[in-house]
Each structure stands twice: as structure tokens, then as C-alpha cells.
Amino acid sequence: MSRPSTYDAIVIGAGPAGSSVALTLARHGWSVAIVEKRAFPRRKVCGEYISASNLVLLDRLEIGDAWRMNAGPEIRRVGFFSGETCVEAPMPDAKYLPSAKDAFGRALGRDVLDALLLQAAQSAGAAILQPCRAVAIDRDGDMQRVRIQARDENSGDETTTLRAPVIVAAHGSWEPGPLPSQFEKISRPSDLLGFKAHFTGSSLAPDLMPLLASPGGYGGMVLADHGRLSISCCIRRDMLARLRRNRSSGHDGPTQDGNVSAAEAVFRHLMASCRGVSDALDGARLDGRWLAAGPIRPGIRACYEQDIFRVGNAAGESHPIIAEGISMALQSGWLLARELAGASSGREGREAAGRRYQAAWRGLFSTRVYAAAAIARVALGPAGPALMAGAVRNFPQALTLGAHMSGKTRPVPGLT
């Protein structure tokens, strides 16, 4: 590994966005390397729901059958849990899909989904460098050099250099780092921090996915694979600090040593502020541990800059209140691969592909990003949960309409 290795494209990150673009490019004859810092399988902070609009894409990626075999039950109802309010409405179905049995989305744990996608990319010919961390990107004429570090138990960190004209940033937006496509770490009271856990033995209706609204945050839960309930939420940093102080001082009940974990504070907050959550988790058992990440960085970013293409959250991120994160990751990878595979050679061809990709990305995703921001703004306001509860009690169909507007029934371009 002392000599540089040259590829047509280097993809940094092996989540749904990175694996989908690498897999598609490899099937178009590109030599592709995927650099992934974690060993798989691994769990991620993620709502884990995948809309029905992605099923044609999953089939194109040749993991559709495996996804159907492993994913949880069809989600036919969307709900809203806040305080004593528990409201349900029909989930809109994707009627344009070839099979009626695929008209509704389902949930699959990221530990399973990401492994399926990465295995498919490897089978298509992509080189998998895992666990390896990309630590620098430098221009090298018409190429770019990516310096990566691999951890060896015997010799420590081993550094090597890869070269490619195309770099795909698929590393998400939550973790700061040294790469030009990563973001500076800034801590603000209004930051939203993400939490996620799996439970077994829950009583949540298997076809229901409720939105959870609580003071200072929002979340969702859904029945995923192997009977696991996936619950995820975002909460403001200042609200989390307040909850932990209150728990430590005994305002919400006695504590043994005054040290209250963030996950415990968030979980107790959800249980106390959403009857639907406490009912669904009554007698349920935590499967694994709580995960935390963030802060999230909602917004639309540049999809292409100086031969670095962004996919997934690196390109743009909606508030997870609309449960479209995996959909946007998979579909952005597909959009980019489609443009790159058809691009003319040379830097001018790549730049033209970058412009087309950015236009396609914004045409497909910008509406849901703005809609999610508007909904989240209401939910996070001082009276947000009460306002939303009153609205959905009087007009339950708003839940169906919201699911439709979030893109859950919108077909993926080039696949229908």
C-alpha cells in the first residue's frame, strides 16, 4: 500500500448515498474505491424508514429482493403523538409502482441496509477500503489525491494515497473533519442533536409510523426488521442541557449519583411528554444501546465544487421530521451516477455533469427541504406541540397530505 492507486472515482463514505453511487458507477465500467471509516455492520442515528418511491431504485441496485425479505411490515398509516393526543391517518400509497404490493414503505435497520448495499457494490467491482479514514484531499494536475489512514492492530496507523479525477463526498454532515467537503464544528444552543435506539417487545401497531412532538424536539418511531422498534428523535441542545440539570437536581425524580446521561434524559422526556410513546414502550426492552450524533445541519449546499461531488447529507439535508433521509441519500447517489456515467471525458465534462446533477438534485429535493424546515419551525416553537396537536385533531388528513408533500409518493427520475 506504499504506492498510490488510481481509480476513476473515490467515494468517501459507505452509507446509502455512497454505496448507491459507487455501485451504479461500477456497473457502468468505472473503477471505484469506497473509503469507509467504520467496520460493518454498524448502527446509525437514523429513522430507518424507506419510502415506497425507492423500491424501483432498490431493484435497479439489485438489492430489492433482499430488502423485501428483511424489512419490517408495510407502513399504511401515519400518526401524531404529543401529550395525550394520538391521531392517525392513511399513508398515501405510491400508485405508480409496478406492483401493488410495493405501494407502501417499510423500515430496515441501517446495520442491515448498509451492509446489503456495500456487498452489492463490492460484487459490482468496487474496491472497499474499510475501516479507513480519509484525512486529506489535494489537487494533482487533472487528478486529485486522497490520503487515507487504515488502523492496523500490529503496526498502528498505515497511510496510503489514492488518486482519481472524481471525488464523491458521501460522509454525511454531522461530523467535522479536515476535508474541504466537511464542515467546521460550531456549538450553538439551538443545535439539534440526534438520538436513536431499538426496542423489542413494543406494542406499536405494526403498520403505523407516528410523528412525535415534545417540548424542544421532535421524533418518530416505526417497526423495523426482526421485530425491532426503531425510535429516533432530535432535541435542541439548550433543552437537553435543561433536562439533564433538572434530572440531576431531582426535579424530575430522585437520581442515584446526579450523573444523568443525555440518552436517559431524552428518553424520559419522550416518555413523559408523549402518552403514545409510553404506551408503545410499556414492557419493551432496549435492544443494544442508545446512539447519539449531531448536530444536524439542515439546508441545501453546493452539490459540486472543484471535482468534489456531494451526495446524501453532504449535498443537502432536510429536517428528519419528514422521515426522508434515506430516500434522499439513495436517490442523490443515483442522480449523480447517472450524470457522471453519461458525461464526456475531461474536466469540462465533469463540470457540465456537476451542473446537471445540481439542477436535478434541487428539482427533486428542494421542496421537501423547505417543507421540512417549515414544519420543524412550528414543532420547535414554544407552543409548537400544542398547536400541531390541535391541528391534527381537527384535520387528521393533514398527516396524509404532509406525507405526500414530503416526497413519499414522488417517483425517482429515470426509473419509471
Protein backbone atom coordinates (compact mmCIF):
# COMPACT_ATOMS: atom_id res chain seq x y z
CA MET A 1 0.00 0.00 0.00
CA SER A 2 3.00 2.31 -0.27
CA ARG A 3 2.27 3.25 -3.92
CA PRO A 4 -0.66 5.43 -4.91
CA SER A 5 -3.56 3.58 -6.51
CA THR A 6 -5.52 5.23 -9.29
CA TYR A 7 -9.27 4.99 -9.83
CA ASP A 8 -11.93 6.71 -11.90
CA ALA A 9 -13.73 7.77 -8.73
CA ILE A 10 -13.14 7.67 -4.98
CA VAL A 11 -16.22 7.65 -2.77
CA ILE A 12 -15.77 8.75 0.84
CA GLY A 13 -18.46 7.10 2.97
CA ALA A 14 -20.31 3.80 2.51
CA GLY A 15 -23.80 4.74 3.67
CA PRO A 16 -26.77 4.56 1.29
CA ALA A 17 -25.62 7.60 -0.70
CA GLY A 18 -22.02 6.49 -1.15
CA SER A 19 -22.76 2.85 -1.85
CA SER A 20 -25.52 3.65 -4.35
CA VAL A 21 -23.29 5.96 -6.42
CA ALA A 22 -20.31 3.58 -6.24
CA LEU A 23 -22.44 0.59 -7.17
CA THR A 24 -24.02 2.34 -10.15
CA LEU A 25 -20.71 3.71 -11.45
CA ALA A 26 -19.04 0.31 -11.10
CA ARG A 27 -21.78 -1.25 -13.20
CA HIS A 28 -21.06 1.37 -15.86
CA GLY A 29 -17.47 0.17 -16.02
CA TRP A 30 -15.84 2.72 -13.73
CA SER A 31 -13.06 1.71 -11.37
CA VAL A 32 -14.30 2.88 -7.96
CA ALA A 33 -12.89 2.83 -4.45
CA ILE A 34 -15.07 3.28 -1.36
CA VAL A 35 -13.36 4.62 1.76
CA GLU A 36 -15.35 3.89 4.93
CA LYS A 37 -14.14 4.69 8.44
CA ARG A 38 -16.29 2.16 10.32
CA ALA A 39 -16.43 -1.62 10.21
CA PHE A 40 -19.81 -3.06 9.17
CA PRO A 41 -22.34 -3.95 10.35
CA ARG A 42 -22.87 -0.86 12.47
CA ARG A 43 -25.88 1.04 13.72
CA LYS A 44 -26.51 4.68 12.87
CA VAL A 45 -28.67 7.50 14.21
CA CYS A 46 -31.43 7.29 11.61
CA GLY A 47 -35.20 6.87 11.43
CA GLU A 48 -34.69 3.84 9.12
CA TYR A 49 -37.93 4.25 7.15
CA ILE A 50 -37.67 3.90 3.36
CA SER A 51 -40.48 5.28 1.22
CA ALA A 52 -42.13 3.14 -1.44
CA SER A 53 -40.77 5.53 -4.08
CA ASN A 54 -37.35 3.89 -3.60
CA LEU A 55 -38.39 0.33 -4.37
CA VAL A 56 -37.83 0.58 -8.12
CA LEU A 57 -34.38 2.03 -7.34
CA LEU A 58 -33.58 -0.78 -4.90
CA ASP A 59 -34.48 -3.26 -7.64
CA ARG A 60 -32.18 -1.41 -10.06
CA LEU A 61 -29.42 -1.65 -7.46
CA GLU A 62 -30.22 -5.39 -7.24
CA ILE A 63 -30.93 -5.47 -3.53
CA GLY A 64 -34.74 -5.16 -3.81
CA ASP A 65 -35.44 -8.82 -3.08
CA ALA A 66 -33.10 -8.84 -0.07
CA TRP A 67 -34.70 -5.63 1.19
CA ARG A 68 -38.20 -7.11 0.91
CA MET A 69 -37.05 -10.25 2.72
CA ASN A 70 -35.57 -8.32 5.67
CA ALA A 71 -37.59 -5.11 6.07
CA GLY A 72 -40.36 -4.64 8.62
CA PRO A 73 -44.09 -4.50 7.86
CA GLU A 74 -45.73 -2.13 5.38
CA ILE A 75 -46.45 1.28 6.87
CA ARG A 76 -50.02 2.06 5.86
CA ARG A 77 -50.78 4.74 8.47
CA VAL A 78 -49.04 7.89 9.61
CA GLY A 79 -49.69 9.20 13.11
CA PHE A 80 -49.06 12.02 15.55
CA PHE A 81 -48.26 11.53 19.25
CA SER A 82 -47.93 14.50 21.60
CA GLY A 83 -49.11 14.84 25.18
CA GLU A 84 -52.39 12.94 25.39
CA THR A 85 -53.03 13.32 21.64
CA CYS A 86 -52.78 10.21 19.47
CA VAL A 87 -54.10 10.75 15.92
CA GLU A 88 -53.79 8.50 12.86
CA ALA A 89 -54.46 8.90 9.14
CA PRO A 90 -53.81 6.82 5.98
CA MET A 91 -50.34 6.88 4.47
CA PRO A 92 -50.54 7.85 0.78
CA ASP A 93 -49.58 4.95 -1.46
CA ALA A 94 -47.28 5.13 -4.49
CA LYS A 95 -49.83 4.05 -7.10
CA TYR A 96 -47.42 4.42 -10.00
CA LEU A 97 -45.27 1.49 -8.87
CA PRO A 98 -45.42 -1.69 -11.00
CA SER A 99 -46.70 -3.89 -8.17
CA ALA A 100 -49.50 -3.05 -5.75
CA LYS A 101 -47.67 -4.98 -3.04
CA ASP A 102 -44.91 -2.35 -3.13
CA ALA A 103 -47.19 0.66 -2.72
CA PHE A 104 -46.14 1.33 0.88
CA GLY A 105 -42.79 1.95 2.52
CA ARG A 106 -41.13 -0.15 5.20
CA ALA A 107 -38.25 0.19 7.66
CA LEU A 108 -34.95 -1.65 7.74
CA GLY A 109 -32.14 -1.17 10.25
CA ARG A 110 -29.11 0.65 8.94
CA ASP A 111 -26.92 -2.18 10.18
CA VAL A 112 -28.69 -4.43 7.65
CA LEU A 113 -29.36 -1.96 4.81
CA ASP A 114 -25.86 -0.51 4.62
CA ALA A 115 -24.27 -3.96 4.61
CA LEU A 116 -26.55 -5.07 1.74
CA LEU A 117 -25.62 -2.04 -0.34
CA LEU A 118 -21.91 -2.30 0.34
CA GLN A 119 -21.88 -6.02 -0.54
CA ALA A 120 -23.65 -5.21 -3.81
CA ALA A 121 -21.07 -2.51 -4.59
CA GLN A 122 -18.25 -4.95 -3.92
CA SER A 123 -19.89 -7.57 -6.13
CA ALA A 124 -20.10 -4.96 -8.90
CA GLY A 125 -16.32 -4.49 -8.69
CA ALA A 126 -15.86 -1.55 -6.31
CA ALA A 127 -12.78 -1.73 -4.08
CA ILE A 128 -13.73 -1.47 -0.40
CA LEU A 129 -11.23 0.18 1.94
CA GLN A 130 -12.66 -0.38 5.42
CA PRO A 131 -12.10 0.68 8.12
CA CYS A 132 -10.14 3.57 6.64
CA ARG A 133 -10.42 7.30 7.20
CA ALA A 134 -9.86 9.96 4.52
CA VAL A 135 -7.70 12.67 6.10
CA ALA A 136 -6.76 14.96 3.18
CA ILE A 137 -7.64 15.80 -0.43
CA ASP A 138 -5.12 17.63 -2.64
CA ARG A 139 -5.10 18.67 -6.30
CA ASP A 140 -2.67 16.77 -8.53
CA GLY A 141 -3.00 18.25 -12.02
CA ASP A 142 -6.17 16.88 -13.57
CA MET A 143 -6.39 14.34 -10.75
CA GLN A 144 -6.88 14.57 -7.00
CA ARG A 145 -5.01 12.77 -4.26
CA VAL A 146 -6.86 11.37 -1.26
CA ARG A 147 -4.72 10.43 1.72
CA ILE A 148 -6.27 7.70 3.84
CA GLN A 149 -5.34 6.08 7.12
CA ALA A 150 -6.06 2.47 7.99
CA ARG A 151 -5.77 1.24 11.55
CA ASP A 152 -3.61 -1.86 11.90
CA GLU A 153 -3.67 -3.64 15.27
CA ASN A 154 0.01 -4.56 14.99
CA SER A 155 1.65 -1.60 13.27
CA GLY A 156 -0.72 1.27 14.14
CA ASP A 157 -2.00 3.74 11.55
CA GLU A 158 -0.99 2.91 7.98
CA THR A 159 -1.17 5.78 5.49
CA THR A 160 -1.61 5.45 1.74
CA THR A 161 -2.64 7.71 -1.14
CA LEU A 162 -5.30 7.17 -3.77
CA ARG A 163 -5.73 9.18 -6.98
CA ALA A 164 -8.84 9.88 -9.07
CA PRO A 165 -10.30 12.68 -11.19
CA VAL A 166 -13.63 12.38 -9.36
CA ILE A 167 -14.14 12.53 -5.59
CA VAL A 168 -17.60 11.84 -4.13
CA ALA A 169 -18.21 13.18 -0.62
CA ALA A 170 -20.72 10.81 0.97
CA HIS A 171 -19.56 11.27 4.56
CA GLY A 172 -22.68 12.98 5.88
CA SER A 173 -22.74 16.37 7.56
CA TRP A 174 -22.73 15.61 11.27
CA GLU A 175 -19.05 15.00 11.91
CA PRO A 176 -16.47 17.77 11.36
CA GLY A 177 -13.17 16.91 9.77
CA PRO A 178 -10.19 18.08 7.70
CA LEU A 179 -11.67 17.51 4.24
CA PRO A 180 -12.80 20.51 2.16
CA SER A 181 -16.27 18.95 1.90
CA GLN A 182 -16.64 18.71 5.69
CA PHE A 183 -17.96 21.42 7.97
CA GLU A 184 -16.49 23.41 10.83
CA LYS A 185 -17.63 22.38 14.29
CA ILE A 186 -19.75 25.15 15.81
CA SER A 187 -21.76 24.70 19.00
CA ARG A 188 -24.97 26.72 19.39
CA PRO A 189 -27.83 26.50 21.89
CA SER A 190 -30.29 25.99 19.02
CA ASP A 191 -28.39 22.99 17.60
CA LEU A 192 -30.47 19.85 17.10
CA LEU A 193 -28.85 16.69 18.44
CA GLY A 194 -29.98 13.28 17.22
CA PHE A 195 -30.72 10.17 19.31
CA LYS A 196 -31.79 6.70 18.30
CA ALA A 197 -32.46 3.28 19.87
CA HIS A 198 -34.03 -0.08 19.10
CA PHE A 199 -36.54 -1.81 21.37
CA THR A 200 -38.07 -5.25 21.27
CA GLY A 201 -41.47 -6.23 22.64
CA SER A 202 -43.20 -2.94 21.86
CA SER A 203 -46.95 -2.66 21.32
CA LEU A 204 -46.86 -0.11 18.49
CA ALA A 205 -49.24 -1.10 15.70
CA PRO A 206 -47.06 -2.69 13.00
CA ASP A 207 -48.49 -0.57 10.16
CA LEU A 208 -48.22 2.79 11.97
CA MET A 209 -45.44 5.40 11.87
CA PRO A 210 -46.18 8.30 14.25
CA LEU A 211 -44.51 11.69 14.40
CA LEU A 212 -43.57 12.55 17.99
CA ALA A 213 -43.74 16.15 19.21
CA SER A 214 -42.35 17.14 22.60
CA PRO A 215 -41.12 20.44 24.05
CA GLY A 216 -37.86 21.38 22.36
CA GLY A 217 -37.76 18.48 19.97
CA TYR A 218 -39.45 16.01 17.66
CA GLY A 219 -39.02 12.40 16.59
CA GLY A 220 -40.62 9.29 15.18
CA MET A 221 -40.88 5.58 15.64
CA VAL A 222 -41.55 2.64 13.36
CA LEU A 223 -41.46 -1.15 13.48
CA ALA A 224 -38.41 -2.28 11.52
CA ASP A 225 -36.80 -5.66 10.85
CA HIS A 226 -36.74 -8.64 13.20
CA GLY A 227 -39.44 -7.17 15.41
CA ARG A 228 -37.27 -4.20 16.40
CA LEU A 229 -38.96 -0.89 17.06
CA SER A 230 -36.77 1.97 15.86
CA ILE A 231 -37.25 5.22 17.76
CA SER A 232 -35.32 8.35 16.83
CA CYS A 233 -35.57 11.98 17.81
CA CYS A 234 -33.92 15.38 17.64
CA ILE A 235 -33.76 17.78 20.56
CA ARG A 236 -32.35 21.27 20.97
CA ARG A 237 -29.03 21.46 22.77
CA ASP A 238 -30.32 24.00 25.29
CA MET A 239 -33.40 21.88 26.06
CA LEU A 240 -31.21 18.82 26.58
CA ALA A 241 -28.98 20.72 28.99
CA ARG A 242 -32.07 21.84 30.93
CA LEU A 243 -33.42 18.29 31.11
CA ARG A 244 -30.13 16.95 32.40
CA ARG A 245 -29.87 19.68 35.04
CA ASN A 246 -33.41 19.02 36.21
CA ARG A 247 -32.84 15.29 36.45
CA SER A 248 -29.55 15.70 38.28
CA SER A 249 -31.10 18.09 40.81
CA GLY A 250 -34.02 15.73 41.41
CA HIS A 251 -36.69 17.99 39.89
CA ASP A 252 -37.99 15.07 37.85
CA GLY A 253 -37.47 12.43 40.50
CA PRO A 254 -34.56 11.06 42.52
CA THR A 255 -31.24 10.14 40.95
CA GLN A 256 -28.62 7.89 42.46
CA ASP A 257 -25.47 9.85 41.74
CA GLY A 258 -26.54 13.01 39.96
CA ASN A 259 -24.93 11.89 36.67
CA VAL A 260 -27.69 11.71 34.07
CA SER A 261 -26.76 10.63 30.57
CA ALA A 262 -28.08 12.58 27.62
CA ALA A 263 -29.85 9.47 26.29
CA GLU A 264 -31.58 8.82 29.61
CA ALA A 265 -32.74 12.44 29.82
CA VAL A 266 -34.11 12.35 26.25
CA PHE A 267 -35.84 9.01 26.75
CA ARG A 268 -37.55 10.09 29.96
CA HIS A 269 -38.58 13.35 28.29
CA LEU A 270 -40.23 11.46 25.42
CA MET A 271 -41.98 9.03 27.78
CA ALA A 272 -43.30 11.87 29.94
CA SER A 273 -44.45 14.14 27.10
CA CYS A 274 -45.99 11.60 24.67
CA ARG A 275 -48.55 9.14 26.01
CA GLY A 276 -48.36 7.23 22.74
CA VAL A 277 -44.67 6.60 23.33
CA SER A 278 -45.08 5.42 26.92
CA ASP A 279 -47.95 3.13 25.88
CA ALA A 280 -45.99 1.62 22.99
CA LEU A 281 -42.88 1.01 25.09
CA ASP A 282 -44.64 -0.27 28.21
CA GLY A 283 -42.85 -3.55 28.90
CA ALA A 284 -40.50 -3.18 25.90
CA ARG A 285 -36.78 -3.92 26.23
CA LEU A 286 -33.88 -1.84 24.97
CA ASP A 287 -32.01 -3.72 22.22
CA GLY A 288 -28.42 -2.54 22.27
CA ARG A 289 -27.62 0.96 23.44
CA TRP A 290 -28.80 4.47 22.68
CA LEU A 291 -26.85 6.22 19.94
CA ALA A 292 -26.24 9.95 19.65
CA ALA A 293 -24.95 12.19 16.86
CA GLY A 294 -25.17 15.69 15.54
CA PRO A 295 -25.78 18.47 15.38
CA ILE A 296 -27.83 18.12 12.22
CA ARG A 297 -27.23 20.73 9.51
CA PRO A 298 -30.48 21.18 7.56
CA GLY A 299 -30.18 23.13 4.33
CA ILE A 300 -29.17 23.00 0.67
CA ARG A 301 -25.46 23.09 -0.16
CA ALA A 302 -23.35 23.14 -3.30
CA CYS A 303 -23.57 19.73 -4.98
CA TYR A 304 -20.30 20.20 -6.88
CA GLU A 305 -17.12 22.19 -6.28
CA GLN A 306 -13.74 21.62 -7.95
CA ASP A 307 -14.24 17.96 -8.84
CA ILE A 308 -15.72 17.10 -5.44
CA PHE A 309 -19.30 15.94 -5.80
CA ARG A 310 -21.57 15.76 -2.76
CA VAL A 311 -24.33 13.24 -2.14
CA GLY A 312 -26.58 12.46 0.82
CA ASN A 313 -26.44 14.87 3.75
CA ALA A 314 -23.23 16.37 2.42
CA ALA A 315 -25.23 17.78 -0.53
CA GLY A 316 -28.25 18.86 1.45
CA GLU A 317 -30.24 17.80 4.46
CA SER A 318 -33.89 18.09 5.36
CA HIS A 319 -35.11 18.15 8.92
CA PRO A 320 -35.67 14.47 9.76
CA ILE A 321 -39.20 15.38 10.86
CA ILE A 322 -40.37 14.18 7.41
CA ALA A 323 -38.51 10.82 7.54
CA GLU A 324 -36.93 11.17 4.10
CA GLY A 325 -33.21 10.97 4.91
CA ILE A 326 -32.55 7.52 3.43
CA SER A 327 -34.68 8.32 0.39
CA MET A 328 -32.66 11.47 -0.32
CA ALA A 329 -29.39 9.60 0.19
CA LEU A 330 -30.23 6.75 -2.18
CA GLN A 331 -31.75 8.99 -4.82
CA SER A 332 -28.95 11.56 -4.77
CA GLY A 333 -26.44 8.78 -5.35
CA TRP A 334 -28.48 7.57 -8.30
CA LEU A 335 -28.82 11.08 -9.76
CA LEU A 336 -25.07 11.72 -9.56
CA ALA A 337 -24.07 8.35 -11.01
CA ARG A 338 -26.46 8.85 -13.91
CA GLU A 339 -24.88 12.20 -14.79
CA LEU A 340 -21.28 11.06 -14.34
CA ALA A 341 -21.77 7.87 -16.34
CA GLY A 342 -23.04 9.89 -19.30
CA ALA A 343 -20.51 12.73 -19.04
CA SER A 344 -17.86 13.43 -21.64
CA SER A 345 -14.27 12.93 -20.57
CA GLY A 346 -12.14 15.67 -19.09
CA ARG A 347 -12.72 18.38 -16.56
CA GLU A 348 -15.20 20.29 -18.73
CA GLY A 349 -17.34 17.17 -18.99
CA ARG A 350 -17.25 16.70 -15.23
CA GLU A 351 -18.19 20.32 -14.63
CA ALA A 352 -21.15 20.01 -17.01
CA ALA A 353 -22.21 16.82 -15.19
CA GLY A 354 -21.93 18.69 -11.90
CA ARG A 355 -24.22 21.46 -13.11
CA ARG A 356 -26.80 18.96 -14.39
CA TYR A 357 -26.61 16.99 -11.15
CA GLN A 358 -27.13 20.08 -9.01
CA ALA A 359 -30.15 21.12 -11.08
CA ALA A 360 -31.62 17.60 -10.82
CA TRP A 361 -30.94 17.46 -7.07
CA ARG A 362 -32.67 20.75 -6.39
CA GLY A 363 -35.59 19.90 -8.65
CA LEU A 364 -36.19 16.66 -6.78
CA PHE A 365 -35.42 17.65 -3.19
CA SER A 366 -35.66 21.40 -2.59
CA THR A 367 -39.42 21.43 -1.96
CA ARG A 368 -39.21 18.78 0.75
CA VAL A 369 -36.23 20.53 2.38
CA TYR A 370 -38.20 23.77 2.64
CA ALA A 371 -41.38 21.99 3.75
CA ALA A 372 -39.49 20.10 6.45
CA ALA A 373 -37.94 23.34 7.70
CA ALA A 374 -41.37 24.97 7.98
CA ILE A 375 -42.85 22.01 9.88
CA ALA A 376 -39.83 21.81 12.18
CA ARG A 377 -40.03 25.53 12.92
CA VAL A 378 -43.58 25.07 14.18
CA ALA A 379 -42.75 21.91 16.12
CA LEU A 380 -39.79 23.54 17.89
CA GLY A 381 -41.66 26.72 18.83
CA PRO A 382 -42.75 27.30 22.44
CA ALA A 383 -46.34 26.30 21.70
CA GLY A 384 -45.49 24.03 18.76
CA PRO A 385 -46.62 20.63 20.09
CA ALA A 386 -49.94 22.05 21.32
CA LEU A 387 -50.58 23.86 18.02
CA MET A 388 -49.81 20.76 15.98
CA ALA A 389 -51.92 18.56 18.23
CA GLY A 390 -54.91 20.87 17.83
CA ALA A 391 -54.48 20.99 14.06
CA VAL A 392 -54.29 17.22 13.51
CA ARG A 393 -57.15 16.51 15.92
CA ASN A 394 -59.40 18.76 13.81
CA PHE A 395 -57.93 17.77 10.45
CA PRO A 396 -56.29 14.30 10.55
CA GLN A 397 -55.97 14.36 6.76
CA ALA A 398 -53.15 16.88 7.24
CA LEU A 399 -50.95 13.91 8.15
CA THR A 400 -51.65 12.22 4.81
CA LEU A 401 -51.12 15.47 2.95
CA GLY A 402 -47.86 16.09 4.77
CA ALA A 403 -46.57 12.61 3.89
CA HIS A 404 -47.39 13.25 0.25
CA MET A 405 -45.72 16.69 0.21
CA SER A 406 -42.58 15.25 1.80
CA GLY A 407 -41.93 13.26 -1.37
CA LYS A 408 -43.02 9.81 -0.24
CA THR A 409 -45.00 9.21 -3.42
CA ARG A 410 -42.74 11.02 -5.89
CA PRO A 411 -41.07 8.73 -8.45
CA VAL A 412 -37.32 8.74 -8.93
CA PRO A 413 -36.36 10.38 -12.25
CA GLY A 414 -35.24 7.97 -14.94
CA LEU A 415 -36.69 4.86 -13.32
CA THR A 416 -40.38 4.87 -14.31
